[in-house]
């Protein structure tokens, strides 16, 4: 039994590192949620920080889901001088032209104040925002 405890204690730092690495994956649902609502000729995009850390940068994309709609949109922001999207805080990120069928909202990049980041970095916007922190 003593050997079992030693093995668990020895593995604990690696388990923590594994959890941290998975937080830096493409899945940002633990950090930010995005929503959209139609207002006249525009679709307003909002986001909420659902993490326990301030968000210092984000890139949210709105891509088409129907064949004849080809325009993709990207909303991004980088907070400076100690400003951030605080935990549980929500904000309007911007508006895009209203589509016949709402687009697909995706988080392409998020960076927390502690340096943790996530996202697929698909868009040029996401790559540029991420590069600011390298």
Protein backbone atom coordinates (compact mmCIF):
# COMPACT_ATOMS: atom_id res chain seq x y z
CA UNK A 1 0.00 0.00 0.00
CA UNK A 2 2.89 2.38 0.78
CA UNK A 3 4.25 1.91 -2.77
CA UNK A 4 0.85 2.80 -4.20
CA UNK A 5 0.82 6.14 -2.32
CA UNK A 6 4.33 6.97 -3.48
CA UNK A 7 3.35 6.29 -7.10
CA UNK A 8 0.26 8.50 -6.80
CA UNK A 9 2.25 11.33 -5.21
CA UNK A 10 4.91 11.01 -7.91
CA UNK A 11 2.29 11.11 -10.67
CA UNK A 12 0.29 14.01 -9.24
CA UNK A 13 2.37 16.77 -10.92
CA UNK A 14 2.00 15.03 -14.27
CA UNK A 15 -1.76 14.75 -13.81
CA UNK A 16 -1.89 18.49 -13.14
CA UNK A 17 0.22 19.24 -16.22
CA UNK A 18 -2.08 17.04 -18.28
CA UNK A 19 -5.11 18.97 -17.06
CA UNK A 20 -3.39 22.27 -17.87
CA UNK A 21 -2.45 21.04 -21.35
CA UNK A 22 -6.03 19.99 -22.05
CA UNK A 23 -7.18 23.49 -21.04
CA UNK A 24 -4.95 24.79 -23.83
CA UNK A 25 -6.74 22.67 -26.41
CA UNK A 26 -9.22 23.74 -29.05
CA UNK A 27 -12.18 23.48 -26.65
CA UNK A 28 -12.72 26.88 -25.04
CA UNK A 29 -16.15 26.17 -23.49
CA UNK A 30 -14.66 26.31 -19.98
CA UNK A 31 -13.46 29.88 -20.66
CA UNK A 32 -16.01 31.74 -22.76
CA UNK A 33 -19.50 31.36 -24.21
CA UNK A 34 -20.75 33.26 -27.23
CA UNK A 35 -24.32 34.02 -28.26
CA UNK A 36 -26.07 35.90 -31.02
CA UNK A 37 -29.37 37.70 -31.32
CA UNK A 38 -30.97 39.44 -34.27
CA UNK A 39 -31.65 43.17 -34.07
CA UNK A 40 -33.10 44.56 -37.29
CA UNK A 41 -30.60 44.13 -40.14
CA UNK A 42 -27.79 43.06 -37.78
CA UNK A 43 -26.90 40.09 -35.64
CA UNK A 44 -25.39 41.14 -32.32
CA UNK A 45 -22.64 38.89 -30.92
CA UNK A 46 -22.19 38.72 -27.14
CA UNK A 47 -19.72 36.80 -24.98
CA UNK A 48 -19.52 35.83 -21.31
CA UNK A 49 -16.41 34.88 -19.38
CA UNK A 50 -17.29 31.58 -17.66
CA UNK A 51 -13.77 30.95 -16.36
CA UNK A 52 -12.29 31.92 -13.00
CA UNK A 53 -9.61 34.09 -14.65
CA UNK A 54 -9.88 37.40 -16.51
CA UNK A 55 -9.84 37.13 -20.32
CA UNK A 56 -7.26 39.39 -21.94
CA UNK A 57 -7.81 38.45 -25.62
CA UNK A 58 -10.43 36.70 -27.76
CA UNK A 59 -11.34 35.89 -31.36
CA UNK A 60 -14.91 34.78 -32.14
CA UNK A 61 -15.93 33.76 -35.66
CA UNK A 62 -19.32 33.66 -37.32
CA UNK A 63 -19.26 31.36 -40.35
CA UNK A 64 -22.03 30.42 -42.78
CA UNK A 65 -24.00 27.21 -42.47
CA UNK A 66 -25.87 27.34 -45.79
CA UNK A 67 -24.39 26.85 -49.25
CA UNK A 68 -25.28 30.21 -50.81
CA UNK A 69 -23.92 32.22 -47.85
CA UNK A 70 -20.15 32.56 -48.23
CA UNK A 71 -19.13 35.45 -45.95
CA UNK A 72 -17.32 34.72 -42.67
CA UNK A 73 -16.89 37.29 -39.92
CA UNK A 74 -14.34 37.57 -37.13
CA UNK A 75 -14.67 39.66 -33.98
CA UNK A 76 -11.56 40.08 -31.89
CA UNK A 77 -10.24 42.09 -29.01
CA UNK A 78 -7.13 42.48 -26.89
CA UNK A 79 -7.43 44.21 -23.53
CA UNK A 80 -4.55 46.45 -22.45
CA UNK A 81 -3.37 48.39 -19.42
CA UNK A 82 -4.83 45.95 -16.89
CA UNK A 83 -8.27 45.90 -18.48
CA UNK A 84 -9.97 42.54 -19.12
CA UNK A 85 -13.24 40.68 -19.42
CA UNK A 86 -13.62 39.72 -15.75
CA UNK A 87 -14.97 36.34 -14.57
CA UNK A 88 -18.76 36.04 -15.06
CA UNK A 89 -18.78 39.37 -16.92
CA UNK A 90 -20.55 39.62 -20.29
CA UNK A 91 -20.11 42.12 -23.07
CA UNK A 92 -21.33 42.88 -26.57
CA UNK A 93 -18.48 42.13 -28.96
CA UNK A 94 -20.05 43.68 -32.03
CA UNK A 95 -22.56 43.12 -34.80
CA UNK A 96 -22.47 41.47 -38.20
CA UNK A 97 -24.95 41.74 -41.08
CA UNK A 98 -27.98 39.56 -40.43
CA UNK A 99 -28.00 36.26 -42.32
CA UNK A 100 -31.02 34.44 -43.69
CA UNK A 101 -29.93 31.52 -41.49
CA UNK A 102 -27.80 32.33 -38.42
CA UNK A 103 -24.14 31.46 -38.82
CA UNK A 104 -22.06 29.14 -36.69
CA UNK A 105 -20.41 30.91 -33.75
CA UNK A 106 -17.01 29.52 -32.79
CA UNK A 107 -14.27 30.57 -30.42
CA UNK A 108 -11.05 30.64 -32.45
CA UNK A 109 -8.80 31.92 -29.65
CA UNK A 110 -8.98 32.95 -26.00
CA UNK A 111 -6.16 33.97 -23.67
CA UNK A 112 -6.56 34.28 -19.92
CA UNK A 113 -4.62 36.65 -17.67
CA UNK A 114 -2.61 33.74 -16.25
CA UNK A 115 -1.27 32.89 -19.74
CA UNK A 116 -3.54 29.92 -20.40
CA UNK A 117 -4.93 29.92 -23.93
CA UNK A 118 -7.14 27.80 -26.14
CA UNK A 119 -8.51 27.73 -29.64
CA UNK A 120 -7.88 26.24 -33.04
CA UNK A 121 -6.23 29.43 -34.45
CA UNK A 122 -7.96 28.90 -37.80
CA UNK A 123 -8.31 32.54 -38.84
CA UNK A 124 -5.56 35.02 -39.57
CA UNK A 125 -7.06 37.21 -36.82
CA UNK A 126 -6.53 34.47 -34.24
CA UNK A 127 -2.95 33.87 -35.37
CA UNK A 128 -2.16 37.59 -35.15
CA UNK A 129 -3.74 38.01 -31.72
CA UNK A 130 -1.93 34.93 -30.37
CA UNK A 131 1.38 36.21 -31.81
CA UNK A 132 1.09 39.34 -29.64
CA UNK A 133 1.70 37.13 -26.58
CA UNK A 134 4.73 35.21 -27.90
